[in-house]
N, C-alpha and C. Protein backbone atom coordinates (compact mmCIF):
# COMPACT_ATOMS: atom_id res chain seq x y z
N MET A 1 -50.04 -111.45 18.56
CA MET A 1 -50.29 -110.77 17.20
C MET A 1 -51.21 -110.75 16.22
N ILE A 2 -51.96 -111.63 15.70
CA ILE A 2 -51.88 -112.60 14.53
C ILE A 2 -52.08 -112.81 13.08
N TRP A 3 -51.23 -111.21 12.33
CA TRP A 3 -50.76 -110.50 11.54
C TRP A 3 -49.68 -111.26 11.01
N PHE A 4 -48.99 -111.73 9.41
CA PHE A 4 -48.01 -111.67 9.19
C PHE A 4 -46.78 -111.16 10.04
N LYS A 5 -46.80 -110.11 9.58
CA LYS A 5 -46.50 -108.31 9.63
C LYS A 5 -46.63 -107.40 9.96
N SER A 6 -46.28 -106.27 11.33
CA SER A 6 -46.86 -105.28 10.82
C SER A 6 -47.47 -104.28 10.16
N TYR A 7 -48.82 -104.33 9.75
CA TYR A 7 -49.15 -103.84 8.85
C TYR A 7 -49.90 -102.53 9.49
N THR A 8 -49.85 -100.93 8.24
CA THR A 8 -50.81 -99.98 9.37
C THR A 8 -51.88 -99.95 7.96
N PRO A 9 -52.91 -98.88 8.54
CA PRO A 9 -54.16 -98.46 7.37
C PRO A 9 -53.62 -97.92 6.16
N GLU A 10 -52.09 -96.95 6.30
CA GLU A 10 -52.29 -96.49 5.58
C GLU A 10 -51.09 -97.38 4.07
N GLU A 11 -50.62 -98.23 5.03
CA GLU A 11 -50.31 -99.32 3.59
C GLU A 11 -51.84 -99.79 3.07
N LEU A 12 -52.59 -100.49 3.86
CA LEU A 12 -53.69 -100.70 3.12
C LEU A 12 -54.08 -100.37 2.32
N ASN A 13 -54.36 -98.41 2.84
CA ASN A 13 -55.24 -97.52 1.12
C ASN A 13 -54.50 -97.62 0.76
N SER A 14 -53.31 -97.24 0.20
CA SER A 14 -52.29 -97.10 -0.38
C SER A 14 -52.81 -97.69 -1.78
N ARG A 15 -52.98 -99.48 -1.81
CA ARG A 15 -53.20 -100.61 -2.23
C ARG A 15 -53.92 -99.63 -4.20
N PRO A 16 -53.52 -100.03 -4.79
CA PRO A 16 -54.47 -99.61 -6.51
C PRO A 16 -55.87 -99.78 -6.06
N LYS A 17 -56.24 -98.82 -6.93
CA LYS A 17 -57.72 -98.14 -7.01
C LYS A 17 -58.40 -98.43 -7.86
N ASN A 18 -57.91 -99.77 -8.31
CA ASN A 18 -59.00 -100.13 -9.80
C ASN A 18 -60.00 -101.29 -9.52
N HIS A 19 -60.40 -100.92 -7.89
CA HIS A 19 -61.10 -102.58 -7.06
C HIS A 19 -62.84 -101.68 -6.74
N ILE A 20 -63.47 -102.48 -6.30
CA ILE A 20 -64.38 -102.48 -5.95
C ILE A 20 -64.67 -101.64 -4.56
N GLY A 21 -63.51 -102.64 -3.60
CA GLY A 21 -63.70 -101.92 -2.15
C GLY A 21 -63.32 -100.62 -2.44
N ALA A 22 -62.36 -99.50 -3.44
CA ALA A 22 -62.21 -98.39 -3.54
C ALA A 22 -62.88 -97.56 -3.99
N LEU A 23 -63.51 -97.85 -5.53
CA LEU A 23 -64.89 -97.45 -6.23
C LEU A 23 -66.00 -97.05 -4.51
N LEU A 24 -66.17 -97.99 -3.66
CA LEU A 24 -66.92 -97.82 -2.76
C LEU A 24 -66.79 -96.78 -1.89
N GLY A 25 -65.71 -96.39 -1.85
CA GLY A 25 -65.10 -95.47 -0.85
C GLY A 25 -64.67 -96.31 0.30
N ILE A 26 -63.95 -97.80 0.54
CA ILE A 26 -63.77 -98.42 1.85
C ILE A 26 -62.63 -97.71 1.92
N SER A 27 -62.27 -97.24 3.01
CA SER A 27 -60.88 -97.02 3.81
C SER A 27 -60.84 -97.58 5.33
N PHE A 28 -59.47 -98.20 5.82
CA PHE A 28 -59.53 -99.10 6.48
C PHE A 28 -58.84 -98.07 7.17
N THR A 29 -59.21 -98.40 8.75
CA THR A 29 -58.70 -97.16 9.59
C THR A 29 -57.74 -97.64 10.83
N HIS A 30 -58.11 -98.69 11.47
CA HIS A 30 -57.62 -99.34 12.33
C HIS A 30 -57.11 -100.95 12.23
N ILE A 31 -55.62 -100.90 12.73
CA ILE A 31 -55.46 -102.45 12.33
C ILE A 31 -55.23 -102.74 14.68
N GLY A 32 -55.69 -103.62 14.99
CA GLY A 32 -55.10 -104.20 16.56
C GLY A 32 -54.57 -105.46 15.88
N ASP A 33 -54.79 -105.36 17.30
CA ASP A 33 -53.28 -107.03 17.92
C ASP A 33 -54.30 -108.25 16.30
N ASN A 34 -55.65 -108.15 16.73
CA ASN A 34 -56.35 -109.44 16.35
C ASN A 34 -57.45 -108.73 14.87
N PHE A 35 -57.98 -107.90 14.85
CA PHE A 35 -58.84 -107.11 14.35
C PHE A 35 -58.92 -106.09 13.53
N LEU A 36 -59.68 -106.23 12.61
CA LEU A 36 -58.98 -105.23 11.23
C LEU A 36 -60.73 -104.41 10.97
N GLU A 37 -60.11 -102.75 11.71
CA GLU A 37 -62.01 -102.40 11.13
C GLU A 37 -61.86 -101.48 9.77
N ALA A 38 -63.25 -101.15 8.97
CA ALA A 38 -62.53 -100.33 8.07
C ALA A 38 -64.04 -99.82 7.62
N THR A 39 -64.47 -97.92 7.24
CA THR A 39 -65.22 -97.33 6.92
C THR A 39 -65.53 -97.43 5.69
N MET A 40 -66.87 -97.41 5.38
CA MET A 40 -67.17 -96.78 3.78
C MET A 40 -68.44 -95.54 3.91
N PRO A 41 -68.61 -95.24 2.71
CA PRO A 41 -69.28 -93.75 3.07
C PRO A 41 -71.11 -94.50 2.20
N VAL A 42 -71.81 -94.02 3.04
CA VAL A 42 -73.47 -94.61 2.57
C VAL A 42 -73.66 -93.42 1.64
N ASP A 43 -73.63 -93.66 0.50
CA ASP A 43 -74.11 -92.64 -0.21
C ASP A 43 -75.01 -93.17 -1.61
N GLU A 44 -74.58 -91.76 -3.12
CA GLU A 44 -75.17 -92.70 -4.35
C GLU A 44 -74.70 -94.08 -5.01
N ARG A 45 -73.09 -94.08 -4.00
CA ARG A 45 -72.12 -95.34 -4.54
C ARG A 45 -72.60 -96.31 -3.88
N THR A 46 -73.31 -96.08 -2.83
CA THR A 46 -74.06 -97.60 -2.06
C THR A 46 -74.69 -97.68 -1.70
N ARG A 47 -75.63 -97.19 -1.70
CA ARG A 47 -77.22 -96.41 -1.53
C ARG A 47 -78.47 -97.52 -2.23
N GLN A 48 -79.11 -98.55 -2.34
CA GLN A 48 -80.30 -98.93 -2.98
C GLN A 48 -81.16 -97.83 -3.32
N PRO A 49 -81.62 -97.83 -4.81
CA PRO A 49 -82.66 -96.21 -4.95
C PRO A 49 -83.56 -96.20 -3.91
N VAL A 50 -84.39 -96.56 -3.13
CA VAL A 50 -84.91 -96.45 -2.20
C VAL A 50 -84.63 -95.44 -1.38
N GLY A 51 -83.25 -95.39 -0.89
CA GLY A 51 -82.70 -94.68 -0.07
C GLY A 51 -81.82 -94.77 0.81
N ILE A 52 -81.09 -96.44 1.20
CA ILE A 52 -80.93 -96.49 2.26
C ILE A 52 -79.57 -98.10 1.98
N LEU A 53 -78.73 -98.03 2.66
CA LEU A 53 -77.94 -98.60 1.92
C LEU A 53 -78.16 -99.80 1.34
N HIS A 54 -76.98 -100.27 0.32
CA HIS A 54 -77.97 -101.35 0.26
C HIS A 54 -77.05 -102.98 0.76
N GLY A 55 -77.78 -103.99 0.89
CA GLY A 55 -77.23 -105.03 1.30
C GLY A 55 -75.64 -105.72 0.50
N GLY A 56 -75.45 -105.56 -0.84
CA GLY A 56 -74.27 -105.87 -1.03
C GLY A 56 -73.90 -105.13 -0.96
N ALA A 57 -74.05 -104.08 -0.83
CA ALA A 57 -72.70 -102.85 -0.22
C ALA A 57 -72.21 -103.45 0.65
N SER A 58 -72.83 -103.64 1.63
CA SER A 58 -72.16 -104.15 2.74
C SER A 58 -71.58 -105.88 3.26
N VAL A 59 -72.17 -106.48 2.31
CA VAL A 59 -71.47 -107.25 1.86
C VAL A 59 -70.07 -107.36 1.04
N VAL A 60 -69.70 -106.12 -0.29
CA VAL A 60 -68.91 -106.53 -0.29
C VAL A 60 -67.72 -105.63 0.75
N LEU A 61 -68.16 -104.41 2.13
CA LEU A 61 -67.12 -104.30 3.05
C LEU A 61 -66.83 -105.68 3.60
N ALA A 62 -68.17 -106.24 3.93
CA ALA A 62 -67.12 -107.98 4.76
C ALA A 62 -66.52 -108.72 4.27
N GLU A 63 -66.83 -108.79 3.09
CA GLU A 63 -65.65 -109.80 2.19
C GLU A 63 -64.55 -108.65 1.95
N THR A 64 -64.51 -107.85 1.90
CA THR A 64 -62.62 -106.68 1.56
C THR A 64 -62.08 -106.97 3.33
N LEU A 65 -62.83 -106.39 4.33
CA LEU A 65 -62.13 -106.80 5.40
C LEU A 65 -62.04 -108.16 5.71
N GLY A 66 -62.53 -109.33 5.47
CA GLY A 66 -61.93 -110.98 5.88
C GLY A 66 -61.21 -111.19 5.05
N SER A 67 -60.86 -110.89 3.41
CA SER A 67 -60.24 -111.45 2.62
C SER A 67 -58.84 -110.58 2.75
N VAL A 68 -59.17 -109.40 2.75
CA VAL A 68 -57.70 -107.84 3.53
C VAL A 68 -57.04 -108.68 4.40
N ALA A 69 -57.77 -109.03 5.50
CA ALA A 69 -57.51 -109.81 7.01
C ALA A 69 -57.00 -111.08 6.98
N SER A 70 -57.51 -112.40 5.67
CA SER A 70 -56.29 -113.64 5.46
C SER A 70 -55.16 -113.15 5.10
N ASN A 71 -55.03 -112.78 4.28
CA ASN A 71 -54.14 -112.16 3.66
C ASN A 71 -52.97 -111.76 4.32
N LEU A 72 -53.41 -111.05 4.96
CA LEU A 72 -52.39 -110.14 6.67
C LEU A 72 -52.10 -110.49 7.74
N VAL A 73 -52.71 -112.09 7.29
CA VAL A 73 -52.37 -113.10 8.58
C VAL A 73 -50.79 -114.07 7.94
N LEU A 74 -51.36 -114.10 6.43
CA LEU A 74 -50.29 -115.09 5.95
C LEU A 74 -48.77 -114.80 4.95
N ASN A 75 -47.83 -115.14 4.54
CA ASN A 75 -47.17 -115.04 3.75
C ASN A 75 -47.12 -115.28 2.79
N PRO A 76 -47.30 -113.53 2.00
CA PRO A 76 -47.70 -113.47 0.77
C PRO A 76 -46.60 -114.07 -0.06
N ASP A 77 -45.35 -114.85 -0.16
CA ASP A 77 -44.81 -115.19 -0.78
C ASP A 77 -45.46 -116.70 -0.69
N GLU A 78 -45.99 -116.87 0.04
CA GLU A 78 -46.24 -118.77 -0.39
C GLU A 78 -47.72 -118.98 -0.27
N LYS A 79 -49.12 -118.30 0.36
CA LYS A 79 -49.33 -118.28 0.39
C LYS A 79 -50.67 -117.13 -0.39
N MET A 80 -52.22 -117.73 -0.52
CA MET A 80 -52.67 -116.10 -0.25
C MET A 80 -54.31 -116.80 0.71
N GLY A 81 -55.19 -115.56 0.42
CA GLY A 81 -56.30 -115.89 0.97
C GLY A 81 -57.92 -116.17 -0.12
N VAL A 82 -58.45 -116.64 -0.77
CA VAL A 82 -59.46 -116.16 -1.86
C VAL A 82 -60.50 -116.38 -1.16
N GLY A 83 -62.16 -115.11 -1.15
CA GLY A 83 -63.47 -115.89 -0.24
C GLY A 83 -63.80 -117.50 -0.60
N LEU A 84 -64.43 -117.69 -0.27
CA LEU A 84 -65.47 -119.02 -0.69
C LEU A 84 -66.69 -119.01 -0.11
N GLU A 85 -67.04 -118.73 1.21
CA GLU A 85 -68.44 -118.63 1.08
C GLU A 85 -68.25 -117.15 1.92
N VAL A 86 -69.61 -116.52 1.44
CA VAL A 86 -69.94 -115.27 2.73
C VAL A 86 -71.68 -115.12 3.02
N ASN A 87 -71.92 -114.54 4.14
CA ASN A 87 -73.06 -114.96 4.38
C ASN A 87 -73.57 -113.05 5.02
N ALA A 88 -74.62 -112.91 4.91
CA ALA A 88 -74.68 -111.80 6.02
C ALA A 88 -76.22 -111.64 6.19
N ASN A 89 -77.32 -110.76 7.75
CA ASN A 89 -77.89 -110.79 8.44
C ASN A 89 -77.98 -109.30 8.23
N HIS A 90 -78.44 -108.87 7.34
CA HIS A 90 -78.91 -107.04 7.36
C HIS A 90 -79.86 -106.62 8.78
N LEU A 91 -79.71 -106.62 9.70
CA LEU A 91 -80.46 -106.03 10.76
C LEU A 91 -81.34 -104.85 10.99
N ARG A 92 -80.33 -103.27 10.37
CA ARG A 92 -81.33 -102.21 10.05
C ARG A 92 -80.57 -100.88 9.10
N PRO A 93 -81.84 -100.60 8.64
CA PRO A 93 -81.44 -99.81 7.70
C PRO A 93 -80.46 -98.84 8.21
N VAL A 94 -79.91 -98.17 6.88
CA VAL A 94 -78.74 -97.23 7.02
C VAL A 94 -78.86 -95.90 6.19
N LYS A 95 -79.75 -95.03 6.44
CA LYS A 95 -79.47 -93.87 5.26
C LYS A 95 -78.72 -92.92 4.99
N SER A 96 -77.07 -92.89 5.74
CA SER A 96 -76.89 -91.67 5.59
C SER A 96 -75.24 -91.52 6.40
N GLY A 97 -74.44 -91.10 6.10
CA GLY A 97 -73.30 -90.47 6.84
C GLY A 97 -72.18 -92.56 7.13
N TYR A 98 -71.45 -92.56 7.68
CA TYR A 98 -70.40 -93.70 6.80
C TYR A 98 -71.03 -95.24 7.59
N VAL A 99 -70.29 -96.28 7.35
CA VAL A 99 -70.74 -97.57 8.46
C VAL A 99 -68.97 -98.17 8.65
N LYS A 100 -68.85 -99.05 9.48
CA LYS A 100 -67.61 -99.12 9.99
C LYS A 100 -67.67 -100.63 10.61
N GLY A 101 -67.07 -101.39 9.38
CA GLY A 101 -66.94 -102.81 9.78
C GLY A 101 -65.70 -103.34 10.87
N VAL A 102 -66.17 -103.86 11.71
CA VAL A 102 -64.51 -104.51 12.32
C VAL A 102 -64.93 -106.56 11.94
N CYS A 103 -63.66 -106.75 11.55
CA CYS A 103 -63.49 -108.11 11.57
C CYS A 103 -62.79 -108.74 12.25
N THR A 104 -63.26 -110.04 13.10
CA THR A 104 -62.30 -110.35 14.11
C THR A 104 -62.10 -112.26 13.69
N PRO A 105 -61.26 -112.79 13.99
CA PRO A 105 -60.98 -114.24 13.56
C PRO A 105 -61.96 -115.12 14.47
N ILE A 106 -62.79 -115.83 13.80
CA ILE A 106 -63.06 -117.32 14.00
C ILE A 106 -62.08 -118.27 14.57
N HIS A 107 -61.73 -118.19 13.55
CA HIS A 107 -60.98 -120.02 12.79
C HIS A 107 -59.47 -119.28 12.07
N ILE A 108 -58.57 -119.92 12.45
CA ILE A 108 -57.87 -119.26 11.63
C ILE A 108 -56.32 -120.79 11.56
N GLY A 109 -56.90 -121.33 9.87
CA GLY A 109 -55.82 -122.89 10.69
C GLY A 109 -55.83 -122.87 8.92
N ALA A 110 -55.07 -124.08 8.91
CA ALA A 110 -54.24 -124.36 7.37
C ALA A 110 -54.76 -124.01 5.65
N LYS A 111 -55.66 -124.76 5.99
CA LYS A 111 -56.29 -124.56 4.99
C LYS A 111 -57.45 -123.25 4.72
N THR A 112 -58.28 -122.92 5.53
CA THR A 112 -59.00 -122.24 6.04
C THR A 112 -58.92 -121.46 7.03
N HIS A 113 -59.84 -120.31 6.57
CA HIS A 113 -59.71 -119.14 7.59
C HIS A 113 -61.54 -118.21 7.76
N ILE A 114 -61.83 -118.31 9.00
CA ILE A 114 -63.23 -117.84 8.59
C ILE A 114 -63.69 -116.44 10.44
N TRP A 115 -64.36 -115.05 9.36
CA TRP A 115 -63.94 -114.16 9.81
C TRP A 115 -65.23 -113.58 10.39
N ASP A 116 -65.55 -113.00 11.31
CA ASP A 116 -66.98 -112.49 12.15
C ASP A 116 -66.94 -110.86 11.45
N ILE A 117 -67.80 -110.24 11.14
CA ILE A 117 -67.82 -108.77 10.41
C ILE A 117 -68.73 -108.18 10.95
N LYS A 118 -68.56 -107.53 11.70
CA LYS A 118 -69.60 -107.09 12.15
C LYS A 118 -69.66 -105.16 11.98
N ILE A 119 -70.80 -104.94 11.33
CA ILE A 119 -71.41 -103.87 10.80
C ILE A 119 -72.01 -102.24 11.15
N TYR A 120 -71.64 -101.62 11.48
CA TYR A 120 -71.97 -100.42 12.19
C TYR A 120 -72.39 -99.74 12.28
N ASP A 121 -73.61 -98.30 12.34
CA ASP A 121 -73.81 -97.15 11.65
C ASP A 121 -73.39 -96.40 12.76
N GLU A 122 -72.55 -95.25 12.66
CA GLU A 122 -72.85 -94.08 13.31
C GLU A 122 -73.06 -93.82 14.92
N ARG A 123 -74.23 -94.25 15.13
CA ARG A 123 -74.05 -94.11 16.61
C ARG A 123 -74.03 -95.53 17.21
N GLY A 124 -73.01 -96.17 16.14
CA GLY A 124 -72.68 -97.60 17.22
C GLY A 124 -73.60 -98.76 17.31
N LYS A 125 -75.31 -98.39 16.25
CA LYS A 125 -75.66 -99.73 15.94
C LYS A 125 -75.35 -100.52 15.20
N MET A 126 -75.61 -101.81 15.30
CA MET A 126 -75.02 -103.15 13.92
C MET A 126 -76.14 -102.77 12.99
N SER A 127 -75.39 -102.59 12.17
CA SER A 127 -76.73 -102.76 10.81
C SER A 127 -76.95 -103.62 10.48
N CYS A 128 -75.24 -105.05 10.22
CA CYS A 128 -75.21 -106.33 9.57
C CYS A 128 -74.34 -107.04 10.41
N ILE A 129 -74.42 -107.88 10.24
CA ILE A 129 -73.55 -109.62 10.87
C ILE A 129 -73.15 -110.06 9.63
N SER A 130 -72.15 -110.37 9.54
CA SER A 130 -71.66 -111.75 8.50
C SER A 130 -70.87 -112.22 9.03
N ARG A 131 -70.29 -113.71 8.02
CA ARG A 131 -69.23 -114.46 8.20
C ARG A 131 -68.72 -114.69 7.06
N LEU A 132 -67.57 -114.79 6.78
CA LEU A 132 -67.02 -115.36 5.66
C LEU A 132 -65.20 -116.18 5.81
N THR A 133 -66.06 -117.12 5.11
CA THR A 133 -64.66 -118.11 5.27
C THR A 133 -64.07 -117.53 3.56
N VAL A 134 -62.81 -117.44 4.46
CA VAL A 134 -62.06 -117.89 3.36
C VAL A 134 -60.77 -119.29 2.87
N ALA A 135 -60.31 -119.40 1.37
CA ALA A 135 -59.89 -120.39 1.78
C ALA A 135 -58.41 -120.40 1.52
N VAL A 136 -57.17 -120.87 1.85
CA VAL A 136 -55.73 -120.26 2.10
C VAL A 136 -54.97 -121.28 0.50
N VAL A 137 -54.01 -120.83 -0.20
CA VAL A 137 -54.20 -121.18 -1.38
C VAL A 137 -53.23 -120.71 -1.71
N PRO A 138 -52.10 -121.27 -2.86
CA PRO A 138 -51.20 -121.08 -3.34
C PRO A 138 -51.06 -119.58 -3.98
N ALA A 139 -49.66 -118.58 -3.54
CA ALA A 139 -49.31 -117.91 -4.21
C ALA A 139 -49.57 -117.74 -5.34
N ALA A 140 -50.38 -116.45 -5.72
CA ALA A 140 -50.31 -116.93 -7.19
C ALA A 140 -48.98 -116.32 -7.90
N VAL A 141 -48.88 -116.63 -8.83
CA VAL A 141 -47.56 -116.07 -9.40
C VAL A 141 -47.42 -114.83 -9.90
N LYS A 142 -46.53 -114.37 -9.70
CA LYS A 142 -46.18 -112.83 -10.10
C LYS A 142 -45.44 -112.24 -11.39
């Protein structure tokens, strides 16, 4: 297991609701030994005017998954992860339902983490592939 301690999706979903992930309806669904999954609805919050999933919403899902994953790896009393660079390739449109993002590590280092995030539609077809680089910095003063 790559995580600092054992976490549950319920713990992740009970975070404060005043952030972009909550506003877009992102919900964590599964934490494996080395992956993190979340879903996001394709609805009026996440579609562009032509009726398909907005690429920016896919990037929010990808960055949410990778940033949370980095912070689950780190000791929160010492370090925190912040997004440094994100890229995404949008492969096919999604008009409705939900998308599921699956985040796995490419590199977990002392100063950077790199995450692979694949986003699938409800049929299991990949709609987006993304890579997120996270900078590991000293924990914020609480």
